[in-house]
Protein backbone atom coordinates (compact mmCIF):
# COMPACT_ATOMS: atom_id res chain seq x y z
CA MET A 1 -23.18 -57.60 145.27
CA THR A 2 -22.18 -54.27 143.73
CA THR A 3 -21.06 -51.52 146.07
CA TRP A 4 -21.46 -47.89 144.95
CA GLU A 5 -19.82 -44.58 145.71
CA TYR A 6 -21.55 -41.27 145.09
CA LYS A 7 -20.47 -37.80 144.02
CA CYS A 8 -22.40 -34.54 144.22
CA PHE A 9 -21.56 -32.09 141.43
CA TYR A 10 -22.50 -28.49 142.20
CA SER A 11 -23.47 -26.73 138.99
CA ASP A 12 -23.65 -23.00 139.58
CA ARG A 13 -25.12 -21.12 136.62
CA GLU A 14 -22.55 -18.36 137.14
CA ASN A 15 -19.78 -20.84 136.22
CA TYR A 16 -21.35 -21.53 132.83
CA LYS A 17 -22.09 -18.06 131.50
CA GLY A 18 -20.49 -16.65 128.38
CA ILE A 19 -19.17 -13.17 127.73
CA LEU A 20 -22.66 -11.82 127.10
CA LYS A 21 -23.96 -13.68 130.18
CA GLY A 22 -26.08 -16.14 128.21
CA PHE A 23 -25.91 -19.77 129.31
CA LYS A 24 -23.17 -21.67 127.44
CA PRO A 25 -23.65 -25.45 127.65
CA GLY A 26 -20.20 -26.27 126.21
CA LYS A 27 -18.32 -25.93 129.52
CA LEU A 28 -20.98 -27.89 131.41
CA GLU A 29 -20.85 -30.65 128.78
CA LYS A 30 -17.05 -30.73 129.07
CA ASP A 31 -17.25 -31.10 132.87
CA LEU A 32 -19.95 -33.80 132.66
CA ASN A 33 -18.05 -35.72 129.96
CA GLU A 34 -14.95 -35.70 132.17
CA LEU A 35 -16.96 -37.27 134.99
CA GLY A 36 -18.24 -39.88 132.52
CA ARG A 37 -14.69 -40.75 131.47
CA GLU A 38 -13.89 -41.27 135.15
CA GLY A 39 -16.70 -43.83 135.35
CA TRP A 40 -19.37 -41.64 136.97
CA GLU A 41 -23.00 -42.06 135.86
CA MET A 42 -25.65 -39.42 136.54
CA VAL A 43 -28.41 -40.84 138.70
CA GLY A 44 -30.34 -37.81 139.83
CA TYR A 45 -30.83 -34.15 140.38
CA GLY A 46 -30.69 -32.85 143.92
CA MET A 47 -31.29 -29.62 145.75
CA ASN A 48 -31.16 -26.25 144.10
CA ASP A 49 -31.41 -22.62 145.16
CA GLY A 50 -33.89 -21.58 142.50
CA ALA A 51 -32.71 -20.87 138.98
CA ASN A 52 -29.01 -20.43 139.69
CA ALA A 53 -27.56 -23.66 141.02
CA ALA A 54 -28.24 -27.37 141.29
CA VAL A 55 -26.62 -30.49 142.62
CA ILE A 56 -26.27 -33.32 140.12
CA ILE A 57 -25.77 -36.72 141.72
CA PHE A 58 -23.50 -39.37 140.19
CA LYS A 59 -22.56 -42.92 141.16
CA ARG A 60 -19.98 -45.49 140.13
CA ALA A 61 -19.19 -48.99 141.21
CA ILE A 62 -16.42 -49.50 143.73
CA GLU A 63 -13.94 -52.06 142.49
CA GLN A 64 -13.32 -54.76 145.04
């Protein structure tokens, strides 16, 4: 049986704004790709506080 571990990634819109304050997906993509290289797979979208922040939920198998 596979055992999983989970990670919650807090994505605050303020962390991904460019100089002119428009949303810049490049930094978010970089952060998400790093999690993918570490073996994390996105499995859902969690709570948010409106338009500014969200929790992205990841899982990966625990090696036994």
